[in-house]
Amino acid sequence: MKKTGALVAGEMSGHVFFKERWFGFDDGLYAGARLLEILSASDNPSEVLDNLPQSISTPELNISLPEGSNGHQVIEELAAKAEFEGATEIITIDGLRVEFPDGFGL
């Protein structure tokens, strides 16, 4: 949000963040109340939602590891061996994040 100046941000996991009138962390009840506030200000709430950009999402890929295995080693190997065509940056702090010119993958 800071990088792009976005007023609102969300994740597929349901986390929603607002830039204004809040403390910078997500809260489900607050997000629901703000959505109702935004929709109630319009004579045509469907039109408000129709104007949102279409986004692309992919399902989560979870790797099951045996008890006692080293998850950090798996991340390091994946980052080293996988091909991330077009990636601009690979970040391995607390997992794996691959930056692309038009988005990112976790």
PDB file of N, CA and C in Angstrom:
ATOM      1  N   MET A   1       0.823  -1.186   0.000  1.00  0.00           N
ATOM      2  CA  MET A   1       0.000   0.000   0.000  1.00  0.00           C
ATOM      3  C   MET A   1       0.869   1.253   0.000  1.00  0.00           C
ATOM      4  N   LYS A   2       1.927   1.196   0.776  1.00  0.00           N
ATOM      5  CA  LYS A   2       2.821   2.346   0.849  1.00  0.00           C
ATOM      6  C   LYS A   2       3.480   2.592  -0.504  1.00  0.00           C
ATOM      7  N   LYS A   3       3.884   1.518  -1.160  1.00  0.00           N
ATOM      8  CA  LYS A   3       4.605   1.624  -2.431  1.00  0.00           C
ATOM      9  C   LYS A   3       3.728   2.207  -3.540  1.00  0.00           C
ATOM     10  N   THR A   4       2.455   1.805  -3.605  1.00  0.00           N
ATOM     11  CA  THR A   4       1.578   2.235  -4.698  1.00  0.00           C
ATOM     12  C   THR A   4       0.596   3.331  -4.305  1.00  0.00           C
ATOM     13  N   GLY A   5       0.496   3.626  -3.006  1.00  0.00           N
ATOM     14  CA  GLY A   5      -0.471   4.617  -2.552  1.00  0.00           C
ATOM     15  C   GLY A   5      -1.900   4.092  -2.526  1.00  0.00           C
ATOM     16  N   ALA A   6      -2.052   2.766  -2.489  1.00  0.00           N
ATOM     17  CA  ALA A   6      -3.386   2.158  -2.493  1.00  0.00           C
ATOM     18  C   ALA A   6      -4.174   2.557  -1.250  1.00  0.00           C
ATOM     19  N   LEU A   7      -5.466   2.753  -1.425  1.00  0.00           N
ATOM     20  CA  LEU A   7      -6.340   3.108  -0.307  1.00  0.00           C
ATOM     21  C   LEU A   7      -6.788   1.884   0.466  1.00  0.00           C
ATOM     22  N   VAL A   8      -6.827   0.747  -0.227  1.00  0.00           N
ATOM     23  CA  VAL A   8      -7.252  -0.500   0.406  1.00  0.00           C
ATOM     24  C   VAL A   8      -6.445  -1.638  -0.209  1.00  0.00           C
ATOM     25  N   ALA A   9      -6.194  -2.647   0.584  1.00  0.00           N
ATOM     26  CA  ALA A   9      -5.470  -3.820   0.087  1.00  0.00           C
ATOM     27  C   ALA A   9      -6.092  -5.059   0.705  1.00  0.00           C
ATOM     28  N   GLY A  10      -5.994  -6.155  -0.002  1.00  0.00           N
ATOM     29  CA  GLY A  10      -6.544  -7.395   0.520  1.00  0.00           C
ATOM     30  C   GLY A  10      -5.764  -8.598   0.050  1.00  0.00           C
ATOM     31  N   GLU A  11      -5.927  -9.679   0.777  1.00  0.00           N
ATOM     32  CA  GLU A  11      -5.303 -10.944   0.435  1.00  0.00           C
ATOM     33  C   GLU A  11      -6.395 -11.978   0.233  1.00  0.00           C
ATOM     34  N   MET A  12      -6.069 -13.028  -0.512  1.00  0.00           N
ATOM     35  CA  MET A  12      -7.047 -14.088  -0.747  1.00  0.00           C
ATOM     36  C   MET A  12      -7.438 -14.782   0.556  1.00  0.00           C
ATOM     37  N   SER A  13      -6.608 -14.673   1.575  1.00  0.00           N
ATOM     38  CA  SER A  13      -6.900 -15.288   2.866  1.00  0.00           C
ATOM     39  C   SER A  13      -7.968 -14.520   3.636  1.00  0.00           C
ATOM     40  N   GLY A  14      -8.398 -13.386   3.090  1.00  0.00           N
ATOM     41  CA  GLY A  14      -9.459 -12.623   3.731  1.00  0.00           C
ATOM     42  C   GLY A  14      -8.979 -11.407   4.506  1.00  0.00           C
ATOM     43  N   HIS A  15      -7.688 -11.185   4.560  1.00  0.00           N
ATOM     44  CA  HIS A  15      -7.169 -10.011   5.251  1.00  0.00           C
ATOM     45  C   HIS A  15      -7.397  -8.772   4.384  1.00  0.00           C
ATOM     46  N   VAL A  16      -7.978  -7.744   4.982  1.00  0.00           N
ATOM     47  CA  VAL A  16      -8.249  -6.495   4.273  1.00  0.00           C
ATOM     48  C   VAL A  16      -7.677  -5.354   5.109  1.00  0.00           C
ATOM     49  N   PHE A  17      -6.957  -4.455   4.461  1.00  0.00           N
ATOM     50  CA  PHE A  17      -6.317  -3.332   5.139  1.00  0.00           C
ATOM     51  C   PHE A  17      -6.810  -2.027   4.521  1.00  0.00           C
ATOM     52  N   PHE A  18      -7.086  -1.032   5.364  1.00  0.00           N
ATOM     53  CA  PHE A  18      -7.517   0.287   4.911  1.00  0.00           C
ATOM     54  C   PHE A  18      -6.456   1.316   5.278  1.00  0.00           C
ATOM     55  N   LYS A  19      -6.246   2.275   4.391  1.00  0.00           N
ATOM     56  CA  LYS A  19      -5.236   3.310   4.627  1.00  0.00           C
ATOM     57  C   LYS A  19      -5.737   4.366   5.614  1.00  0.00           C
ATOM     58  N   GLU A  20      -7.008   4.670   5.557  1.00  0.00           N
ATOM     59  CA  GLU A  20      -7.524   5.771   6.366  1.00  0.00           C
ATOM     60  C   GLU A  20      -8.364   5.260   7.540  1.00  0.00           C
ATOM     61  N   ARG A  21      -8.438   6.063   8.582  1.00  0.00           N
ATOM     62  CA  ARG A  21      -9.305   5.834   9.736  1.00  0.00           C
ATOM     63  C   ARG A  21      -9.080   4.497  10.438  1.00  0.00           C
ATOM     64  N   TRP A  22      -7.880   3.975  10.386  1.00  0.00           N
ATOM     65  CA  TRP A  22      -7.628   2.729  11.101  1.00  0.00           C
ATOM     66  C   TRP A  22      -6.160   2.642  11.438  1.00  0.00           C
ATOM     67  N   PHE A  23      -5.758   1.611  12.140  1.00  0.00           N
ATOM     68  CA  PHE A  23      -4.421   1.536  12.706  1.00  0.00           C
ATOM     69  C   PHE A  23      -3.394   0.787  11.856  1.00  0.00           C
ATOM     70  N   GLY A  24      -3.730   0.440  10.632  1.00  0.00           N
ATOM     71  CA  GLY A  24      -2.758  -0.202   9.769  1.00  0.00           C
ATOM     72  C   GLY A  24      -2.707  -1.710   9.871  1.00  0.00           C
ATOM     73  N   PHE A  25      -3.680  -2.314  10.541  1.00  0.00           N
ATOM     74  CA  PHE A  25      -3.756  -3.765  10.567  1.00  0.00           C
ATOM     75  C   PHE A  25      -5.166  -4.179  10.183  1.00  0.00           C
ATOM     76  N   ASP A  26      -5.337  -5.461   9.875  1.00  0.00           N
ATOM     77  CA  ASP A  26      -6.641  -5.903   9.380  1.00  0.00           C
ATOM     78  C   ASP A  26      -7.563  -6.307  10.525  1.00  0.00           C
ATOM     79  N   ASP A  27      -8.832  -6.113  10.315  1.00  0.00           N
ATOM     80  CA  ASP A  27      -9.864  -6.479  11.270  1.00  0.00           C
ATOM     81  C   ASP A  27     -11.114  -6.815  10.471  1.00  0.00           C
ATOM     82  N   GLY A  28     -11.600  -8.032  10.580  1.00  0.00           N
ATOM     83  CA  GLY A  28     -12.734  -8.492   9.786  1.00  0.00           C
ATOM     84  C   GLY A  28     -14.001  -7.683   9.993  1.00  0.00           C
ATOM     85  N   LEU A  29     -14.331  -7.362  11.239  1.00  0.00           N
ATOM     86  CA  LEU A  29     -15.545  -6.589  11.503  1.00  0.00           C
ATOM     87  C   LEU A  29     -15.436  -5.183  10.925  1.00  0.00           C
ATOM     88  N   TYR A  30     -14.265  -4.575  11.088  1.00  0.00           N
ATOM     89  CA  TYR A  30     -14.068  -3.236  10.543  1.00  0.00           C
ATOM     90  C   TYR A  30     -14.160  -3.263   9.021  1.00  0.00           C
ATOM     91  N   ALA A  31     -13.557  -4.265   8.389  1.00  0.00           N
ATOM     92  CA  ALA A  31     -13.606  -4.379   6.925  1.00  0.00           C
ATOM     93  C   ALA A  31     -15.049  -4.528   6.451  1.00  0.00           C
ATOM     94  N   GLY A  32     -15.825  -5.355   7.133  1.00  0.00           N
ATOM     95  CA  GLY A  32     -17.230  -5.527   6.762  1.00  0.00           C
ATOM     96  C   GLY A  32     -18.021  -4.242   6.923  1.00  0.00           C
ATOM     97  N   ALA A  33     -17.769  -3.532   8.022  1.00  0.00           N
ATOM     98  CA  ALA A  33     -18.475  -2.271   8.256  1.00  0.00           C
ATOM     99  C   ALA A  33     -18.110  -1.228   7.203  1.00  0.00           C
ATOM    100  N   ARG A  34     -16.841  -1.157   6.836  1.00  0.00           N
ATOM    101  CA  ARG A  34     -16.422  -0.195   5.808  1.00  0.00           C
ATOM    102  C   ARG A  34     -17.030  -0.538   4.457  1.00  0.00           C
ATOM    103  N   LEU A  35     -17.096  -1.838   4.119  1.00  0.00           N
ATOM    104  CA  LEU A  35     -17.719  -2.247   2.858  1.00  0.00           C
ATOM    105  C   LEU A  35     -19.186  -1.828   2.839  1.00  0.00           C
ATOM    106  N   LEU A  36     -19.896  -2.060   3.926  1.00  0.00           N
ATOM    107  CA  LEU A  36     -21.300  -1.639   3.995  1.00  0.00           C
ATOM    108  C   LEU A  36     -21.420  -0.120   3.872  1.00  0.00           C
ATOM    109  N   GLU A  37     -20.509   0.614   4.504  1.00  0.00           N
ATOM    110  CA  GLU A  37     -20.517   2.076   4.414  1.00  0.00           C
ATOM    111  C   GLU A  37     -20.339   2.533   2.964  1.00  0.00           C
ATOM    112  N   ILE A  38     -19.383   1.936   2.271  1.00  0.00           N
ATOM    113  CA  ILE A  38     -19.109   2.307   0.876  1.00  0.00           C
ATOM    114  C   ILE A  38     -20.302   1.982  -0.013  1.00  0.00           C
ATOM    115  N   LEU A  39     -20.857   0.790   0.144  1.00  0.00           N
ATOM    116  CA  LEU A  39     -21.988   0.383  -0.697  1.00  0.00           C
ATOM    117  C   LEU A  39     -23.244   1.194  -0.400  1.00  0.00           C
ATOM    118  N   SER A  40     -23.455   1.553   0.866  1.00  0.00           N
ATOM    119  CA  SER A  40     -24.664   2.307   1.220  1.00  0.00           C
ATOM    120  C   SER A  40     -24.623   3.745   0.708  1.00  0.00           C
ATOM    121  N   ALA A  41     -23.442   4.248   0.369  1.00  0.00           N
ATOM    122  CA  ALA A  41     -23.318   5.613  -0.147  1.00  0.00           C
ATOM    123  C   ALA A  41     -23.705   5.708  -1.618  1.00  0.00           C
ATOM    124  N   SER A  42     -23.968   4.575  -2.252  1.00  0.00           N
ATOM    125  CA  SER A  42     -24.292   4.565  -3.684  1.00  0.00           C
ATOM    126  C   SER A  42     -25.749   4.176  -3.900  1.00  0.00           C
ATOM    127  N   ASP A  43     -26.354   4.767  -4.932  1.00  0.00           N
ATOM    128  CA  ASP A  43     -27.706   4.365  -5.314  1.00  0.00           C
ATOM    129  C   ASP A  43     -27.696   3.018  -6.021  1.00  0.00           C
ATOM    130  N   ASN A  44     -26.529   2.606  -6.511  1.00  0.00           N
ATOM    131  CA  ASN A  44     -26.404   1.345  -7.237  1.00  0.00           C
ATOM    132  C   ASN A  44     -25.164   0.591  -6.738  1.00  0.00           C
ATOM    133  N   PRO A  45     -25.281  -0.137  -5.615  1.00  0.00           N
ATOM    134  CA  PRO A  45     -24.125  -0.842  -5.057  1.00  0.00           C
ATOM    135  C   PRO A  45     -23.490  -1.843  -6.024  1.00  0.00           C
ATOM    136  N   SER A  46     -24.289  -2.464  -6.872  1.00  0.00           N
ATOM    137  CA  SER A  46     -23.733  -3.416  -7.840  1.00  0.00           C
ATOM    138  C   SER A  46     -22.766  -2.725  -8.790  1.00  0.00           C
ATOM    139  N   GLU A  47     -23.079  -1.487  -9.153  1.00  0.00           N
ATOM    140  CA  GLU A  47     -22.209  -0.731 -10.055  1.00  0.00           C
ATOM    141  C   GLU A  47     -20.859  -0.445  -9.393  1.00  0.00           C
ATOM    142  N   VAL A  48     -20.885  -0.179  -8.101  1.00  0.00           N
ATOM    143  CA  VAL A  48     -19.639   0.058  -7.363  1.00  0.00           C
ATOM    144  C   VAL A  48     -18.744  -1.173  -7.471  1.00  0.00           C
ATOM    145  N   LEU A  49     -19.328  -2.339  -7.253  1.00  0.00           N
ATOM    146  CA  LEU A  49     -18.554  -3.576  -7.321  1.00  0.00           C
ATOM    147  C   LEU A  49     -18.141  -3.905  -8.750  1.00  0.00           C
ATOM    148  N   ASP A  50     -19.000  -3.598  -9.713  1.00  0.00           N
ATOM    149  CA  ASP A  50     -18.674  -3.873 -11.120  1.00  0.00           C
ATOM    150  C   ASP A  50     -17.478  -3.056 -11.605  1.00  0.00           C
ATOM    151  N   ASN A  51     -17.237  -1.902 -10.978  1.00  0.00           N
ATOM    152  CA  ASN A  51     -16.126  -1.041 -11.386  1.00  0.00           C
ATOM    153  C   ASN A  51     -14.775  -1.488 -10.835  1.00  0.00           C
ATOM    154  N   LEU A  52     -14.778  -2.492  -9.964  1.00  0.00           N
ATOM    155  CA  LEU A  52     -13.508  -2.990  -9.434  1.00  0.00           C
ATOM    156  C   LEU A  52     -12.769  -3.760 -10.515  1.00  0.00           C
ATOM    157  N   PRO A  53     -11.458  -3.656 -10.550  1.00  0.00           N
ATOM    158  CA  PRO A  53     -10.699  -4.392 -11.576  1.00  0.00           C
ATOM    159  C   PRO A  53     -10.770  -5.894 -11.343  1.00  0.00           C
ATOM    160  N   GLN A  54     -10.730  -6.637 -12.430  1.00  0.00           N
ATOM    161  CA  GLN A  54     -10.684  -8.092 -12.336  1.00  0.00           C
ATOM    162  C   GLN A  54      -9.282  -8.489 -11.896  1.00  0.00           C
ATOM    163  N   SER A  55      -9.209  -9.469 -11.036  1.00  0.00           N
ATOM    164  CA  SER A  55      -7.892  -9.918 -10.593  1.00  0.00           C
ATOM    165  C   SER A  55      -7.740 -11.411 -10.841  1.00  0.00           C
ATOM    166  N   ILE A  56      -6.523 -11.832 -10.852  1.00  0.00           N
ATOM    167  CA  ILE A  56      -6.212 -13.235 -11.075  1.00  0.00           C
ATOM    168  C   ILE A  56      -5.680 -13.805  -9.774  1.00  0.00           C
ATOM    169  N   SER A  57      -6.148 -14.963  -9.420  1.00  0.00           N
ATOM    170  CA  SER A  57      -5.617 -15.622  -8.233  1.00  0.00           C
ATOM    171  C   SER A  57      -5.395 -17.095  -8.537  1.00  0.00           C
ATOM    172  N   THR A  58      -4.491 -17.662  -7.825  1.00  0.00           N
ATOM    173  CA  THR A  58      -4.197 -19.082  -7.981  1.00  0.00           C
ATOM    174  C   THR A  58      -4.433 -19.768  -6.647  1.00  0.00           C
ATOM    175  N   PRO A  59      -4.691 -21.053  -6.677  1.00  0.00           N
ATOM    176  CA  PRO A  59      -4.893 -21.754  -5.405  1.00  0.00           C
ATOM    177  C   PRO A  59      -3.585 -21.833  -4.623  1.00  0.00           C
ATOM    178  N   GLU A  60      -3.718 -22.008  -3.327  1.00  0.00           N
ATOM    179  CA  GLU A  60      -2.535 -22.193  -2.500  1.00  0.00           C
ATOM    180  C   GLU A  60      -1.929 -23.555  -2.783  1.00  0.00           C
ATOM    181  N   LEU A  61      -0.628 -23.602  -2.827  1.00  0.00           N
ATOM    182  CA  LEU A  61       0.094 -24.859  -2.968  1.00  0.00           C
ATOM    183  C   LEU A  61       0.769 -25.143  -1.634  1.00  0.00           C
ATOM    184  N   ASN A  62       0.347 -26.199  -0.971  1.00  0.00           N
ATOM    185  CA  ASN A  62       0.905 -26.550   0.329  1.00  0.00           C
ATOM    186  C   ASN A  62       1.748 -27.803   0.200  1.00  0.00           C
ATOM    187  N   ILE A  63       2.907 -27.785   0.795  1.00  0.00           N
ATOM    188  CA  ILE A  63       3.807 -28.927   0.781  1.00  0.00           C
ATOM    189  C   ILE A  63       3.825 -29.527   2.180  1.00  0.00           C
ATOM    190  N   SER A  64       3.392 -30.768   2.305  1.00  0.00           N
ATOM    191  CA  SER A  64       3.427 -31.450   3.598  1.00  0.00           C
ATOM    192  C   SER A  64       4.837 -31.963   3.852  1.00  0.00           C
ATOM    193  N   LEU A  65       5.350 -31.660   5.025  1.00  0.00           N
ATOM    194  CA  LEU A  65       6.688 -32.109   5.400  1.00  0.00           C
ATOM    195  C   LEU A  65       6.588 -33.023   6.611  1.00  0.00           C
ATOM    196  N   PRO A  66       7.418 -34.040   6.652  1.00  0.00           N
ATOM    197  CA  PRO A  66       7.405 -34.925   7.817  1.00  0.00           C
ATOM    198  C   PRO A  66       7.826 -34.174   9.080  1.00  0.00           C
ATOM    199  N   GLU A  67       7.339 -34.625  10.206  1.00  0.00           N
ATOM    200  CA  GLU A  67       7.692 -34.035  11.492  1.00  0.00           C
ATOM    201  C   GLU A  67       9.209 -34.015  11.648  1.00  0.00           C
ATOM    202  N   GLY A  68       9.742 -32.894  12.063  1.00  0.00           N
ATOM    203  CA  GLY A  68      11.172 -32.773  12.299  1.00  0.00           C
ATOM    204  C   GLY A  68      11.985 -32.374  11.083  1.00  0.00           C
ATOM    205  N   SER A  69      11.340 -32.253   9.920  1.00  0.00           N
ATOM    206  CA  SER A  69      12.094 -31.864   8.726  1.00  0.00           C
ATOM    207  C   SER A  69      12.385 -30.364   8.760  1.00  0.00           C
ATOM    208  N   ASN A  70      13.313 -29.945   7.929  1.00  0.00           N
ATOM    209  CA  ASN A  70      13.749 -28.553   7.919  1.00  0.00           C
ATOM    210  C   ASN A  70      13.039 -27.792   6.799  1.00  0.00           C
ATOM    211  N   GLY A  71      11.971 -27.092   7.138  1.00  0.00           N
ATOM    212  CA  GLY A  71      11.212 -26.322   6.156  1.00  0.00           C
ATOM    213  C   GLY A  71      12.025 -25.220   5.506  1.00  0.00           C
ATOM    214  N   HIS A  72      12.943 -24.629   6.257  1.00  0.00           N
ATOM    215  CA  HIS A  72      13.787 -23.566   5.697  1.00  0.00           C
ATOM    216  C   HIS A  72      14.670 -24.105   4.575  1.00  0.00           C
ATOM    217  N   GLN A  73      15.134 -25.337   4.739  1.00  0.00           N
ATOM    218  CA  GLN A  73      15.966 -25.949   3.698  1.00  0.00           C
ATOM    219  C   GLN A  73      15.154 -26.158   2.422  1.00  0.00           C
ATOM    220  N   VAL A  74      13.895 -26.557   2.568  1.00  0.00           N
ATOM    221  CA  VAL A  74      13.022 -26.744   1.401  1.00  0.00           C
ATOM    222  C   VAL A  74      12.863 -25.425   0.650  1.00  0.00           C
ATOM    223  N   ILE A  75      12.638 -24.340   1.376  1.00  0.00           N
ATOM    224  CA  ILE A  75      12.491 -23.015   0.761  1.00  0.00           C
ATOM    225  C   ILE A  75      13.777 -22.622   0.033  1.00  0.00           C
ATOM    226  N   GLU A  76      14.912 -22.837   0.670  1.00  0.00           N
ATOM    227  CA  GLU A  76      16.197 -22.489   0.050  1.00  0.00           C
ATOM    228  C   GLU A  76      16.420 -23.282  -1.237  1.00  0.00           C
ATOM    229  N   GLU A  77      16.099 -24.583  -1.208  1.00  0.00           N
ATOM    230  CA  GLU A  77      16.273 -25.417  -2.401  1.00  0.00           C
ATOM    231  C   GLU A  77      15.317 -24.992  -3.512  1.00  0.00           C
ATOM    232  N   LEU A  78      14.075 -24.698  -3.145  1.00  0.00           N
ATOM    233  CA  LEU A  78      13.097 -24.254  -4.137  1.00  0.00           C
ATOM    234  C   LEU A  78      13.551 -22.945  -4.786  1.00  0.00           C
ATOM    235  N   ALA A  79      14.002 -22.012  -3.969  1.00  0.00           N
ATOM    236  CA  ALA A  79      14.459 -20.721  -4.499  1.00  0.00           C
ATOM    237  C   ALA A  79      15.663 -20.894  -5.418  1.00  0.00           C
ATOM    238  N   ALA A  80      16.527 -21.855  -5.103  1.00  0.00           N
ATOM    239  CA  ALA A  80      17.746 -22.054  -5.890  1.00  0.00           C
ATOM    240  C   ALA A  80      17.493 -22.832  -7.179  1.00  0.00           C
ATOM    241  N   LYS A  81      16.551 -23.780  -7.159  1.00  0.00           N
ATOM    242  CA  LYS A  81      16.382 -24.692  -8.292  1.00  0.00           C
ATOM    243  C   LYS A  81      15.208 -24.363  -9.211  1.00  0.00           C
ATOM    244  N   ALA A  82      14.204 -23.707  -8.682  1.00  0.00           N
ATOM    245  CA  ALA A  82      13.013 -23.421  -9.495  1.00  0.00           C
ATOM    246  C   ALA A  82      13.314 -22.314 -10.500  1.00  0.00           C
ATOM    247  N   GLU A  83      12.589 -22.331 -11.605  1.00  0.00           N
ATOM    248  CA  GLU A  83      12.731 -21.282 -12.614  1.00  0.00           C
ATOM    249  C   GLU A  83      11.553 -20.318 -12.490  1.00  0.00           C
ATOM    250  N   PHE A  84      11.844 -19.097 -12.152  1.00  0.00           N
ATOM    251  CA  PHE A  84      10.822 -18.060 -12.025  1.00  0.00           C
ATOM    252  C   PHE A  84      11.028 -17.073 -13.166  1.00  0.00           C
ATOM    253  N   GLU A  85      10.545 -17.444 -14.337  1.00  0.00           N
ATOM    254  CA  GLU A  85      10.758 -16.643 -15.545  1.00  0.00           C
ATOM    255  C   GLU A  85      10.178 -15.239 -15.385  1.00  0.00           C
ATOM    256  N   GLY A  86      10.992 -14.247 -15.629  1.00  0.00           N
ATOM    257  CA  GLY A  86      10.547 -12.858 -15.549  1.00  0.00           C
ATOM    258  C   GLY A  86      10.615 -12.259 -14.162  1.00  0.00           C
ATOM    259  N   ALA A  87      11.071 -13.036 -13.165  1.00  0.00           N
ATOM    260  CA  ALA A  87      11.134 -12.528 -11.798  1.00  0.00           C
ATOM    261  C   ALA A  87      12.133 -11.387 -11.691  1.00  0.00           C
ATOM    262  N   THR A  88      11.778 -10.389 -10.904  1.00  0.00           N
ATOM    263  CA  THR A  88      12.675  -9.260 -10.677  1.00  0.00           C
ATOM    264  C   THR A  88      13.411  -9.378  -9.347  1.00  0.00           C
ATOM    265  N   GLU A  89      12.855 -10.170  -8.427  1.00  0.00           N
ATOM    266  CA  GLU A  89      13.486 -10.339  -7.117  1.00  0.00           C
ATOM    267  C   GLU A  89      12.927 -11.592  -6.454  1.00  0.00           C
ATOM    268  N   ILE A  90      13.769 -12.291  -5.727  1.00  0.00           N
ATOM    269  CA  ILE A  90      13.351 -13.454  -4.943  1.00  0.00           C
ATOM    270  C   ILE A  90      13.696 -13.157  -3.489  1.00  0.00           C
ATOM    271  N   ILE A  91      12.691 -13.196  -2.636  1.00  0.00           N
ATOM    272  CA  ILE A  91      12.861 -12.859  -1.223  1.00  0.00           C
ATOM    273  C   ILE A  91      12.579 -14.120  -0.406  1.00  0.00           C
ATOM    274  N   THR A  92      13.507 -14.483   0.490  1.00  0.00           N
ATOM    275  CA  THR A  92      13.341 -15.709   1.276  1.00  0.00           C
ATOM    276  C   THR A  92      13.210 -15.428   2.767  1.00  0.00           C
ATOM    277  N   ILE A  93      12.773 -14.247   3.126  1.00  0.00           N
ATOM    278  CA  ILE A  93      12.527 -13.933   4.530  1.00  0.00           C
ATOM    279  C   ILE A  93      11.172 -14.529   4.905  1.00  0.00           C
ATOM    280  N   ASP A  94      11.163 -15.442   5.849  1.00  0.00           N
ATOM    281  CA  ASP A  94       9.915 -16.044   6.330  1.00  0.00           C
ATOM    282  C   ASP A  94       9.122 -16.702   5.203  1.00  0.00           C
ATOM    283  N   GLY A  95       9.783 -17.464   4.353  1.00  0.00           N
ATOM    284  CA  GLY A  95       9.106 -18.139   3.246  1.00  0.00           C
ATOM    285  C   GLY A  95       9.749 -17.784   1.925  1.00  0.00           C
ATOM    286  N   LEU A  96       8.949 -17.777   0.888  1.00  0.00           N
ATOM    287  CA  LEU A  96       9.454 -17.469  -0.451  1.00  0.00           C
ATOM    288  C   LEU A  96       8.483 -16.514  -1.134  1.00  0.00           C
ATOM    289  N   ARG A  97       8.983 -15.373  -1.539  1.00  0.00           N
ATOM    290  CA  ARG A  97       8.199 -14.386  -2.283  1.00  0.00           C
ATOM    291  C   ARG A  97       8.970 -14.071  -3.558  1.00  0.00           C
ATOM    292  N   VAL A  98       8.291 -14.201  -4.687  1.00  0.00           N
ATOM    293  CA  VAL A  98       8.916 -13.932  -5.976  1.00  0.00           C
ATOM    294  C   VAL A  98       8.230 -12.715  -6.579  1.00  0.00           C
ATOM    295  N   GLU A  99       9.002 -11.667  -6.807  1.00  0.00           N
ATOM    296  CA  GLU A  99       8.483 -10.419  -7.364  1.00  0.00           C
ATOM    297  C   GLU A  99       8.564 -10.449  -8.887  1.00  0.00           C
ATOM    298  N   PHE A 100       7.497  -9.991  -9.529  1.00  0.00           N
ATOM    299  CA  PHE A 100       7.432  -9.861 -10.981  1.00  0.00           C
ATOM    300  C   PHE A 100       7.064  -8.413 -11.306  1.00  0.00           C
ATOM    301  N   PRO A 101       7.274  -7.956 -12.534  1.00  0.00           N
ATOM    302  CA  PRO A 101       6.942  -6.570 -12.877  1.00  0.00           C
ATOM    303  C   PRO A 101       5.482  -6.200 -12.600  1.00  0.00           C
ATOM    304  N   ASP A 102       4.573  -7.159 -12.704  1.00  0.00           N
ATOM    305  CA  ASP A 102       3.150  -6.843 -12.532  1.00  0.00           C
ATOM    306  C   ASP A 102       2.498  -7.580 -11.366  1.00  0.00           C
ATOM    307  N   GLY A 103       3.283  -8.054 -10.416  1.00  0.00           N
ATOM    308  CA  GLY A 103       2.705  -8.744  -9.267  1.00  0.00           C
ATOM    309  C   GLY A 103       3.757  -9.550  -8.526  1.00  0.00           C
ATOM    310  N   PHE A 104       3.280 -10.467  -7.698  1.00  0.00           N
ATOM    311  CA  PHE A 104       4.197 -11.300  -6.931  1.00  0.00           C
ATOM    312  C   PHE A 104       3.523 -12.629  -6.620  1.00  0.00           C
ATOM    313  N   GLY A 105       4.324 -13.577  -6.218  1.00  0.00           N
ATOM    314  CA  GLY A 105       3.819 -14.883  -5.796  1.00  0.00           C
ATOM    315  C   GLY A 105       4.445 -15.262  -4.476  1.00  0.00           C
ATOM    316  N   LEU A 106       3.660 -15.924  -3.629  1.00  0.00           N
ATOM    317  CA  LEU A 106       4.168 -16.379  -2.332  1.00  0.00           C
ATOM    318  C   LEU A 106       4.253 -17.886  -2.339  1.00  0.00           C
TER     319      LEU A 106
END
